[in-house]
Amino acid sequence: IDMHTVKPIDREAIIRAARETGAIVTGEDHTVIGGLGSAVAEVLAEEGLSCLFRRLGIPDLFAGYGEPEDLYHQYGYGAEGICRAVRALL
């Protein structure tokens, strides 16, 4: 699902994805706190849906700075890191 905006959140798409797949992985190129992953987690909790769930992004810490590709690699957000996280979840 391409969620280019967090507001308004597409609740129906999230609910449908959770029910149809049993797993949701969100990815964002900034902190995971208060972003898309948090909004998706709220929908899942409010709807009482249980599914595998993982937020990918910068963890809750003081992040470094630099070129985006370098930071993606540092925080496991590059293509390999995303694939690794999805495989670990499933």
Protein backbone atom coordinates (compact mmCIF):
# COMPACT_ATOMS: atom_id res chain seq x y z
CA ILE A 1 0.00 0.00 0.00
CA ASP A 2 1.41 3.40 -0.90
CA MET A 3 0.44 5.75 1.89
CA HIS A 4 1.90 9.04 0.74
CA THR A 5 0.22 10.89 3.60
CA VAL A 6 -0.44 9.96 7.21
CA LYS A 7 -3.46 12.27 7.48
CA PRO A 8 -6.07 11.36 6.78
CA ILE A 9 -5.04 7.76 7.43
CA ASP A 10 -6.65 5.17 5.16
CA ARG A 11 -8.12 3.02 7.93
CA GLU A 12 -9.96 0.71 5.56
CA ALA A 13 -6.78 -0.10 3.60
CA ILE A 14 -4.95 -0.94 6.83
CA ILE A 15 -7.79 -3.10 8.13
CA ARG A 16 -8.08 -4.90 4.79
CA ALA A 17 -4.31 -5.50 4.59
CA ALA A 18 -4.17 -6.87 8.14
CA ARG A 19 -7.07 -9.24 7.53
CA GLU A 20 -5.93 -10.39 4.08
CA THR A 21 -2.21 -10.82 4.78
CA GLY A 22 -1.83 -11.23 8.53
CA ALA A 23 1.28 -9.02 8.45
CA ILE A 24 2.08 -5.34 7.99
CA VAL A 25 5.49 -3.70 7.64
CA THR A 26 5.75 0.08 7.53
CA GLY A 27 8.76 2.01 6.35
CA GLU A 28 9.65 5.64 6.77
CA ASP A 29 12.86 7.57 6.25
CA HIS A 30 12.79 9.28 9.63
CA THR A 31 12.08 8.32 13.23
CA VAL A 32 9.51 5.60 13.81
CA ILE A 33 8.04 7.63 16.69
CA GLY A 34 4.84 9.42 15.71
CA GLY A 35 4.94 8.57 12.03
CA LEU A 36 3.17 6.18 9.70
CA GLY A 37 4.04 3.11 11.76
CA SER A 38 2.56 4.67 14.87
CA ALA A 39 -0.62 5.62 12.99
CA VAL A 40 -0.96 2.08 11.61
CA ALA A 41 -0.39 0.61 15.09
CA GLU A 42 -3.17 2.84 16.44
CA VAL A 43 -5.62 1.59 13.79
CA LEU A 44 -4.72 -2.04 14.50
CA ALA A 45 -5.15 -1.55 18.25
CA GLU A 46 -8.40 0.39 17.96
CA GLU A 47 -9.88 -2.25 15.66
CA GLY A 48 -8.66 -5.11 17.88
CA LEU A 49 -6.77 -6.65 14.96
CA SER A 50 -3.92 -9.03 15.63
CA CYS A 51 -1.29 -9.41 12.94
CA LEU A 52 2.47 -9.51 12.61
CA PHE A 53 3.67 -5.91 12.62
CA ARG A 54 7.02 -4.16 12.20
CA ARG A 55 7.96 -0.49 11.89
CA LEU A 56 11.09 0.28 9.90
CA GLY A 57 12.88 3.60 10.17
CA ILE A 58 15.21 5.47 12.47
CA PRO A 59 14.93 4.08 16.03
CA ASP A 60 14.15 6.31 19.01
CA LEU A 61 17.63 7.78 19.47
CA PHE A 62 19.68 10.79 18.53
CA ALA A 63 20.36 9.96 14.88
CA GLY A 64 23.44 10.99 13.00
CA TYR A 65 23.42 13.06 9.86
CA GLY A 66 24.76 12.57 6.37
CA GLU A 67 23.77 11.38 2.94
CA PRO A 68 20.44 9.54 2.91
CA GLU A 69 21.90 6.36 1.39
CA ASP A 70 24.58 6.22 4.10
CA LEU A 71 22.01 6.69 6.84
CA TYR A 72 19.71 4.05 5.31
CA HIS A 73 22.59 1.58 5.43
CA GLN A 74 23.60 2.60 8.97
CA TYR A 75 20.08 2.06 10.34
CA GLY A 76 19.26 -1.05 8.29
CA TYR A 77 16.81 0.74 6.05
CA GLY A 78 18.42 -0.06 2.70
CA ALA A 79 17.02 -2.75 0.41
CA GLU A 80 18.93 -5.51 2.21
CA GLY A 81 17.83 -4.32 5.65
CA ILE A 82 14.20 -4.12 4.60
CA CYS A 83 14.29 -7.63 3.11
CA ARG A 84 16.00 -8.96 6.24
CA ALA A 85 13.38 -7.37 8.51
CA VAL A 86 10.48 -8.74 6.46
CA ARG A 87 11.96 -12.24 6.40
CA ALA A 88 12.52 -12.13 10.16
CA LEU A 89 8.93 -11.06 10.72
CA LEU A 90 7.48 -13.83 8.59
